[in-house]
Structures are given as structure tokens and as C-alpha cells.
Amino acid sequence: MTTAHEPAGEFSLGVAILAAGFSTRMGQPKLLLPWGETSVLGHLLQTWTRLGVGQIAVVCAANASEIHAELDRLQFAREDRIANPSPSAGMFSSIQCAARWPDWRTGLTHFAIVLGDQPHLLRKTLEQVLDFAAAHPERICQPLRNARRRHPVILPRELFAKLCEFSGNDLKQFLNSTPELLAGCEMEDSGLDLDMDSPSDYERLRALADSR
């Protein structure tokens, strides 16, 4: 079945799911927590697969045995896993690992940086972001919530590659270094305001997801 965002024509998307964090405040790996009939990680993979993107890769710590075991259970290919040898360096290190990864498919034109702790975002929200990015192919596109930039971030291939050499400390600095290339689409999804860092966050987001 063909979906709206299958790789074709001028917009073909690669998705980097960031899964190398330590989940310190959660007290356990947040991506392994139950979500619906699967795990948070499983739900993210299902969501992006159903959006028909060109390729999905998961960035995880090289020695993250529990994450790798879950990816095995989900039958996620080992060749689509990106190892971050220094996850303690923070989220931007995972983003740079994804940007350096040599195994992205050659036909991809854009890349989405996807947080591992946003399983609660509405599929409609993600579809709107992808449509907006496809309509603005030269720009770095993000959802906006009350004029504040949120995730996921979608970058054209050449800008995604520039993340490798950026000497700043985080993605925000990179985005602020090219303000003329930023584009945003205001969204109604209140889930864009929320993160899943603590057990109370997790319970609140599960309740939010169940109510939709």
C-alpha cells in the first residue's frame, strides 16, 4: 500500500530515533516502558514505519544490551542501528553520530531527528510536519507550539551532513547559527509541550494518549 511519505520524487525521509540516553530521572530505560501493545521504542518504530518514510535508524549506546534485545524482539535490523560510543557526551553526540553514519540510503533527501521520549505525539501532527517539510524542501522545518520550536526537526540532506563538523554544544546552537533557514508550522498538539523524563511524566503521557 502506498502512503503519502514513501520515498519518491523530491522528498524522501530518513529518520534517526535517538535512543542512547541514560534515563537517569526515570530510573529505568524509558524506551523499554510499555506503550499500548508494545514498548515506547516499538511504538515509535511502528509510527514512523506507517508514515512510509524511506529509512529508519536507531541511535543507541554500543553496550546498551537491553535496547538491543528489544530491537531484536521487534525484528529491527542490526544494520540500521547506529552505535554511539560516547553517549555520556549528551544528545548532540547521538545526533552527530547519525549525521556521520555512512549507511543512509543514497536516495534520501531529508532527515528527521526524533526524540525517543515522544510516543504521545499524534500521527496527524507528524503528518502535518512532514507535509510542511515537503513544501519547504530547502528549509529546516519544525513544529511550533505557541511559537516555540519543538521536535521532530527535519533537515535537508546537505544541512544534516553539516552537523558532523559543527563545533557547538547542542542542536539548538546549530539551529540558531542558521536562522534564515528555519521554518516552523504552528500546531495544536499539546503533547509537543511535554517530555517523558520521570515516572510521573510517563503516567501523565499515558493518560493523555489514552484520552485521544
C-alpha atoms as a PDB file:
ATOM      1  CA  MET A   1       0.000   0.000   0.000  1.00  0.00           C
ATOM      2  CA  THR A   2       1.433   3.376  -0.985  1.00  0.00           C
ATOM      3  CA  THR A   3       1.477   6.054   1.709  1.00  0.00           C
ATOM      4  CA  ALA A   4       1.892   9.797   1.416  1.00  0.00           C
ATOM      5  CA  HIS A   5       5.508   9.856   2.505  1.00  0.00           C
ATOM      6  CA  GLU A   6       7.067   6.880   0.751  1.00  0.00           C
ATOM      7  CA  PRO A   7      10.403   7.758  -0.888  1.00  0.00           C
ATOM      8  CA  ALA A   8       9.511   9.166  -4.281  1.00  0.00           C
ATOM      9  CA  GLY A   9      10.143  12.345  -6.208  1.00  0.00           C
ATOM     10  CA  GLU A  10      11.695  15.273  -4.364  1.00  0.00           C
ATOM     11  CA  PHE A  11      11.088  14.359  -0.721  1.00  0.00           C
ATOM     12  CA  SER A  12      12.450  11.125   0.751  1.00  0.00           C
ATOM     13  CA  LEU A  13      12.921  10.984   4.501  1.00  0.00           C
ATOM     14  CA  GLY A  14      15.420   9.218   6.725  1.00  0.00           C
ATOM     15  CA  VAL A  15      14.521   9.051  10.420  1.00  0.00           C
ATOM     16  CA  ALA A  16      17.072   8.953  13.246  1.00  0.00           C
ATOM     17  CA  ILE A  17      15.447   7.879  16.525  1.00  0.00           C
ATOM     18  CA  LEU A  18      17.610   8.897  19.485  1.00  0.00           C
ATOM     19  CA  ALA A  19      17.770   6.044  21.995  1.00  0.00           C
ATOM     20  CA  ALA A  20      21.160   6.407  23.681  1.00  0.00           C
ATOM     21  CA  GLY A  21      20.116   8.373  26.771  1.00  0.00           C
ATOM     22  CA  PHE A  22      20.616   7.079  30.299  1.00  0.00           C
ATOM     23  CA  SER A  23      17.052   7.782  31.538  1.00  0.00           C
ATOM     24  CA  THR A  24      18.508   8.866  34.885  1.00  0.00           C
ATOM     25  CA  ARG A  25      15.383  10.573  36.200  1.00  0.00           C
ATOM     26  CA  MET A  26      13.151   7.728  35.045  1.00  0.00           C
ATOM     27  CA  GLY A  27      15.216   5.145  36.910  1.00  0.00           C
ATOM     28  CA  GLN A  28      14.954   2.648  34.048  1.00  0.00           C
ATOM     29  CA  PRO A  29      15.295   2.787  30.253  1.00  0.00           C
ATOM     30  CA  LYS A  30      12.291   4.874  29.203  1.00  0.00           C
ATOM     31  CA  LEU A  31      12.192   3.447  25.686  1.00  0.00           C
ATOM     32  CA  LEU A  32      11.545  -0.016  27.128  1.00  0.00           C
ATOM     33  CA  LEU A  33       8.492   1.048  29.112  1.00  0.00           C
ATOM     34  CA  PRO A  34       5.121  -0.371  27.985  1.00  0.00           C
ATOM     35  CA  TRP A  35       3.181   1.691  25.463  1.00  0.00           C
ATOM     36  CA  GLY A  36      -0.052   0.308  24.078  1.00  0.00           C
ATOM     37  CA  GLU A  37       0.567  -3.260  22.985  1.00  0.00           C
ATOM     38  CA  THR A  38       4.323  -2.791  22.677  1.00  0.00           C
ATOM     39  CA  SER A  39       7.107  -0.638  24.155  1.00  0.00           C
ATOM     40  CA  VAL A  40       7.803   3.054  23.715  1.00  0.00           C
ATOM     41  CA  LEU A  41      10.512   2.119  21.220  1.00  0.00           C
ATOM     42  CA  GLY A  42       8.231  -0.316  19.445  1.00  0.00           C
ATOM     43  CA  HIS A  43       5.523   2.318  19.175  1.00  0.00           C
ATOM     44  CA  LEU A  44       7.929   4.838  17.649  1.00  0.00           C
ATOM     45  CA  LEU A  45       9.095   2.320  15.084  1.00  0.00           C
ATOM     46  CA  GLN A  46       5.508   1.409  14.219  1.00  0.00           C
ATOM     47  CA  THR A  47       4.508   5.055  13.866  1.00  0.00           C
ATOM     48  CA  TRP A  48       7.325   6.048  11.546  1.00  0.00           C
ATOM     49  CA  THR A  49       7.055   2.845   9.527  1.00  0.00           C
ATOM     50  CA  ARG A  50       3.357   3.528   8.952  1.00  0.00           C
ATOM     51  CA  LEU A  51       4.215   7.033   7.799  1.00  0.00           C
ATOM     52  CA  GLY A  52       6.045   5.374   4.929  1.00  0.00           C
ATOM     53  CA  VAL A  53       9.447   7.005   5.371  1.00  0.00           C
ATOM     54  CA  GLY A  54      12.457   5.929   3.344  1.00  0.00           C
ATOM     55  CA  GLN A  55      14.645   4.568   6.156  1.00  0.00           C
ATOM     56  CA  ILE A  56      14.631   4.392   9.944  1.00  0.00           C
ATOM     57  CA  ALA A  57      17.766   4.107  12.070  1.00  0.00           C
ATOM     58  CA  VAL A  58      18.049   3.925  15.852  1.00  0.00           C
ATOM     59  CA  VAL A  59      20.963   5.579  17.634  1.00  0.00           C
ATOM     60  CA  CYS A  60      21.865   3.685  20.785  1.00  0.00           C
ATOM     61  CA  ALA A  61      24.814   3.164  23.089  1.00  0.00           C
ATOM     62  CA  ALA A  62      27.129   0.461  21.794  1.00  0.00           C
ATOM     63  CA  ASN A  63      26.805  -1.551  25.025  1.00  0.00           C
ATOM     64  CA  ALA A  64      23.063  -0.988  25.573  1.00  0.00           C
ATOM     65  CA  SER A  65      22.204  -4.673  25.803  1.00  0.00           C
ATOM     66  CA  GLU A  66      18.581  -4.111  26.878  1.00  0.00           C
ATOM     67  CA  ILE A  67      17.876  -1.755  23.982  1.00  0.00           C
ATOM     68  CA  HIS A  68      19.494  -4.155  21.528  1.00  0.00           C
ATOM     69  CA  ALA A  69      17.470  -7.033  22.980  1.00  0.00           C
ATOM     70  CA  GLU A  70      14.265  -5.047  22.473  1.00  0.00           C
ATOM     71  CA  LEU A  71      15.267  -4.166  18.916  1.00  0.00           C
ATOM     72  CA  ASP A  72      15.921  -7.853  18.300  1.00  0.00           C
ATOM     73  CA  ARG A  73      12.483  -8.696  19.694  1.00  0.00           C
ATOM     74  CA  LEU A  74      10.971  -6.090  17.390  1.00  0.00           C
ATOM     75  CA  GLN A  75      12.922  -7.632  14.490  1.00  0.00           C
ATOM     76  CA  PHE A  76      14.627  -4.325  13.773  1.00  0.00           C
ATOM     77  CA  ALA A  77      17.620  -4.898  11.521  1.00  0.00           C
ATOM     78  CA  ARG A  78      21.043  -4.671  13.135  1.00  0.00           C
ATOM     79  CA  GLU A  79      22.400  -2.907  10.077  1.00  0.00           C
ATOM     80  CA  ASP A  80      20.041   0.003  10.824  1.00  0.00           C
ATOM     81  CA  ARG A  81      21.415   0.595  14.314  1.00  0.00           C
ATOM     82  CA  ILE A  82      23.880   3.436  14.863  1.00  0.00           C
ATOM     83  CA  ALA A  83      26.282   2.965  17.763  1.00  0.00           C
ATOM     84  CA  ASN A  84      27.141   5.992  19.885  1.00  0.00           C
ATOM     85  CA  PRO A  85      30.462   5.172  21.583  1.00  0.00           C
ATOM     86  CA  SER A  86      30.187   8.167  23.939  1.00  0.00           C
ATOM     87  CA  PRO A  87      26.551   8.566  24.997  1.00  0.00           C
ATOM     88  CA  SER A  88      27.650  10.366  28.169  1.00  0.00           C
ATOM     89  CA  ALA A  89      28.558  13.314  25.915  1.00  0.00           C
ATOM     90  CA  GLY A  90      24.833  14.011  25.590  1.00  0.00           C
ATOM     91  CA  MET A  91      22.117  14.071  22.976  1.00  0.00           C
ATOM     92  CA  PHE A  92      24.085  16.080  20.448  1.00  0.00           C
ATOM     93  CA  SER A  93      26.692  13.320  20.301  1.00  0.00           C
ATOM     94  CA  SER A  94      23.951  10.939  19.127  1.00  0.00           C
ATOM     95  CA  ILE A  95      22.807  13.461  16.527  1.00  0.00           C
ATOM     96  CA  GLN A  96      26.361  13.790  15.209  1.00  0.00           C
ATOM     97  CA  CYS A  97      26.728  10.003  15.120  1.00  0.00           C
ATOM     98  CA  ALA A  98      23.595   9.858  12.969  1.00  0.00           C
ATOM     99  CA  ALA A  99      24.888  12.601  10.671  1.00  0.00           C
ATOM    100  CA  ARG A 100      28.223  10.769  10.238  1.00  0.00           C
ATOM    101  CA  TRP A 101      26.647   7.368   9.644  1.00  0.00           C
ATOM    102  CA  PRO A 102      27.666   6.109   6.192  1.00  0.00           C
ATOM    103  CA  ASP A 103      24.779   3.695   5.647  1.00  0.00           C
ATOM    104  CA  TRP A 104      21.934   6.083   4.935  1.00  0.00           C
ATOM    105  CA  ARG A 105      20.320   5.257   1.618  1.00  0.00           C
ATOM    106  CA  THR A 106      21.537   7.419  -1.221  1.00  0.00           C
ATOM    107  CA  GLY A 107      18.063   8.489  -2.389  1.00  0.00           C
ATOM    108  CA  LEU A 108      17.114  10.217   0.854  1.00  0.00           C
ATOM    109  CA  THR A 109      16.711  13.974   0.574  1.00  0.00           C
ATOM    110  CA  HIS A 110      15.818  14.896   4.173  1.00  0.00           C
ATOM    111  CA  PHE A 111      16.371  13.618   7.689  1.00  0.00           C
ATOM    112  CA  ALA A 112      14.221  13.775  10.819  1.00  0.00           C
ATOM    113  CA  ILE A 113      15.794  13.911  14.266  1.00  0.00           C
ATOM    114  CA  VAL A 114      13.284  12.134  16.509  1.00  0.00           C
ATOM    115  CA  LEU A 115      13.372  12.101  20.308  1.00  0.00           C
ATOM    116  CA  GLY A 116      12.900   8.740  21.935  1.00  0.00           C
ATOM    117  CA  ASP A 117      10.501  10.073  24.556  1.00  0.00           C
ATOM    118  CA  GLN A 118       7.649  11.417  22.429  1.00  0.00           C
ATOM    119  CA  PRO A 119       5.445   8.396  21.720  1.00  0.00           C
ATOM    120  CA  HIS A 120       2.423  10.509  22.637  1.00  0.00           C
ATOM    121  CA  LEU A 121       2.541  12.784  19.592  1.00  0.00           C
ATOM    122  CA  LEU A 122      -0.477  12.456  17.350  1.00  0.00           C
ATOM    123  CA  ARG A 123       0.078  10.836  13.976  1.00  0.00           C
ATOM    124  CA  LYS A 124      -1.803  13.797  12.483  1.00  0.00           C
ATOM    125  CA  THR A 125       0.835  16.111  13.964  1.00  0.00           C
ATOM    126  CA  LEU A 126       3.675  14.148  12.392  1.00  0.00           C
ATOM    127  CA  GLU A 127       1.874  14.033   9.043  1.00  0.00           C
ATOM    128  CA  GLN A 128       1.470  17.814   9.147  1.00  0.00           C
ATOM    129  CA  VAL A 129       5.163  18.283   9.905  1.00  0.00           C
ATOM    130  CA  LEU A 130       6.147  16.047   7.002  1.00  0.00           C
ATOM    131  CA  ASP A 131       3.795  17.832   4.639  1.00  0.00           C
ATOM    132  CA  PHE A 132       5.212  21.173   5.765  1.00  0.00           C
ATOM    133  CA  ALA A 133       8.794  19.975   5.247  1.00  0.00           C
ATOM    134  CA  ALA A 134       7.951  18.640   1.788  1.00  0.00           C
ATOM    135  CA  ALA A 135       6.507  22.043   0.906  1.00  0.00           C
ATOM    136  CA  HIS A 136       9.662  23.828   2.157  1.00  0.00           C
ATOM    137  CA  PRO A 137      12.430  21.479   0.960  1.00  0.00           C
ATOM    138  CA  GLU A 138      15.305  23.964   1.383  1.00  0.00           C
ATOM    139  CA  ARG A 139      14.488  24.835   4.999  1.00  0.00           C
ATOM    140  CA  ILE A 140      14.989  23.277   8.422  1.00  0.00           C
ATOM    141  CA  CYS A 141      11.434  22.504   9.491  1.00  0.00           C
ATOM    142  CA  GLN A 142       9.921  22.026  12.939  1.00  0.00           C
ATOM    143  CA  PRO A 143       6.533  22.022  14.589  1.00  0.00           C
ATOM    144  CA  LEU A 144       5.826  25.120  16.626  1.00  0.00           C
ATOM    145  CA  ARG A 145       3.780  25.287  19.786  1.00  0.00           C
ATOM    146  CA  ASN A 146       2.933  28.817  20.916  1.00  0.00           C
ATOM    147  CA  ALA A 147       5.752  29.995  18.632  1.00  0.00           C
ATOM    148  CA  ARG A 148       8.339  27.774  20.352  1.00  0.00           C
ATOM    149  CA  ARG A 149      10.312  25.295  18.256  1.00  0.00           C
ATOM    150  CA  ARG A 150       9.682  21.638  19.046  1.00  0.00           C
ATOM    151  CA  HIS A 151      10.693  18.189  17.826  1.00  0.00           C
ATOM    152  CA  PRO A 152      10.968  16.431  15.459  1.00  0.00           C
ATOM    153  CA  VAL A 153      13.414  18.520  13.439  1.00  0.00           C
ATOM    154  CA  ILE A 154      13.604  17.860   9.695  1.00  0.00           C
ATOM    155  CA  LEU A 155      16.699  18.936   7.787  1.00  0.00           C
ATOM    156  CA  PRO A 156      17.661  18.804   4.097  1.00  0.00           C
ATOM    157  CA  ARG A 157      20.434  16.295   3.453  1.00  0.00           C
ATOM    158  CA  GLU A 158      23.218  18.863   2.977  1.00  0.00           C
ATOM    159  CA  LEU A 159      22.383  20.600   6.259  1.00  0.00           C
ATOM    160  CA  PHE A 160      22.090  17.295   8.097  1.00  0.00           C
ATOM    161  CA  ALA A 161      25.629  16.481   6.914  1.00  0.00           C
ATOM    162  CA  LYS A 162      26.915  19.781   8.333  1.00  0.00           C
ATOM    163  CA  LEU A 163      26.009  18.594  11.832  1.00  0.00           C
ATOM    164  CA  CYS A 164      29.094  16.353  11.678  1.00  0.00           C
ATOM    165  CA  GLU A 165      31.503  19.268  11.694  1.00  0.00           C
ATOM    166  CA  PHE A 166      29.584  21.685  13.900  1.00  0.00           C
ATOM    167  CA  SER A 167      31.699  22.639  16.914  1.00  0.00           C
ATOM    168  CA  GLY A 168      28.872  23.861  19.132  1.00  0.00           C
ATOM    169  CA  ASN A 169      27.432  22.022  22.120  1.00  0.00           C
ATOM    170  CA  ASP A 170      23.903  21.188  21.026  1.00  0.00           C
ATOM    171  CA  LEU A 171      21.318  21.163  18.276  1.00  0.00           C
ATOM    172  CA  LYS A 172      19.819  24.454  19.425  1.00  0.00           C
ATOM    173  CA  GLN A 173      23.121  26.205  18.781  1.00  0.00           C
ATOM    174  CA  PHE A 174      23.281  24.692  15.318  1.00  0.00           C
ATOM    175  CA  LEU A 175      19.760  25.845  14.511  1.00  0.00           C
ATOM    176  CA  ASN A 176      20.432  29.325  15.842  1.00  0.00           C
ATOM    177  CA  SER A 177      23.523  29.563  13.637  1.00  0.00           C
ATOM    178  CA  THR A 178      21.310  29.489  10.524  1.00  0.00           C
ATOM    179  CA  PRO A 179      18.176  31.475  11.476  1.00  0.00           C
ATOM    180  CA  GLU A 180      17.459  32.337   7.848  1.00  0.00           C
ATOM    181  CA  LEU A 181      16.924  28.629   7.100  1.00  0.00           C
ATOM    182  CA  LEU A 182      14.457  27.910   9.893  1.00  0.00           C
ATOM    183  CA  ALA A 183      10.791  27.340   9.140  1.00  0.00           C
ATOM    184  CA  GLY A 184       8.033  26.341  11.528  1.00  0.00           C
ATOM    185  CA  CYS A 185       4.431  25.263  11.423  1.00  0.00           C
ATOM    186  CA  GLU A 186       2.204  26.125  14.384  1.00  0.00           C
ATOM    187  CA  MET A 187       0.491  23.007  15.771  1.00  0.00           C
ATOM    188  CA  GLU A 188      -2.417  22.397  18.144  1.00  0.00           C
ATOM    189  CA  ASP A 189      -0.993  19.189  19.654  1.00  0.00           C
ATOM    190  CA  SER A 190      -0.455  19.909  23.367  1.00  0.00           C
ATOM    191  CA  GLY A 191       1.807  16.878  23.530  1.00  0.00           C
ATOM    192  CA  LEU A 192       4.522  18.940  21.869  1.00  0.00           C
ATOM    193  CA  ASP A 193       4.939  20.766  25.182  1.00  0.00           C
ATOM    194  CA  LEU A 194       5.613  17.580  27.130  1.00  0.00           C
ATOM    195  CA  ASP A 195       8.629  15.339  27.728  1.00  0.00           C
ATOM    196  CA  MET A 196       8.862  11.954  29.388  1.00  0.00           C
ATOM    197  CA  ASP A 197      11.685  12.257  31.907  1.00  0.00           C
ATOM    198  CA  SER A 198      10.231  10.946  35.184  1.00  0.00           C
ATOM    199  CA  PRO A 199       7.755   8.243  36.267  1.00  0.00           C
ATOM    200  CA  SER A 200       5.113  10.922  36.838  1.00  0.00           C
ATOM    201  CA  ASP A 201       5.700  12.239  33.298  1.00  0.00           C
ATOM    202  CA  TYR A 202       5.235   8.728  31.945  1.00  0.00           C
ATOM    203  CA  GLU A 203       1.927   8.221  33.733  1.00  0.00           C
ATOM    204  CA  ARG A 204       0.668  11.635  32.605  1.00  0.00           C
ATOM    205  CA  LEU A 205       1.576  10.963  28.976  1.00  0.00           C
ATOM    206  CA  ARG A 206      -0.014   7.533  29.008  1.00  0.00           C
ATOM    207  CA  ALA A 207      -3.204   9.116  30.314  1.00  0.00           C
ATOM    208  CA  LEU A 208      -3.002  11.763  27.595  1.00  0.00           C
ATOM    209  CA  ALA A 209      -2.541   9.134  24.900  1.00  0.00           C
ATOM    210  CA  ASP A 210      -5.438   7.057  26.252  1.00  0.00           C
ATOM    211  CA  SER A 211      -7.723  10.101  26.183  1.00  0.00           C
ATOM    212  CA  ARG A 212      -7.158  10.829  22.488  1.00  0.00           C
END
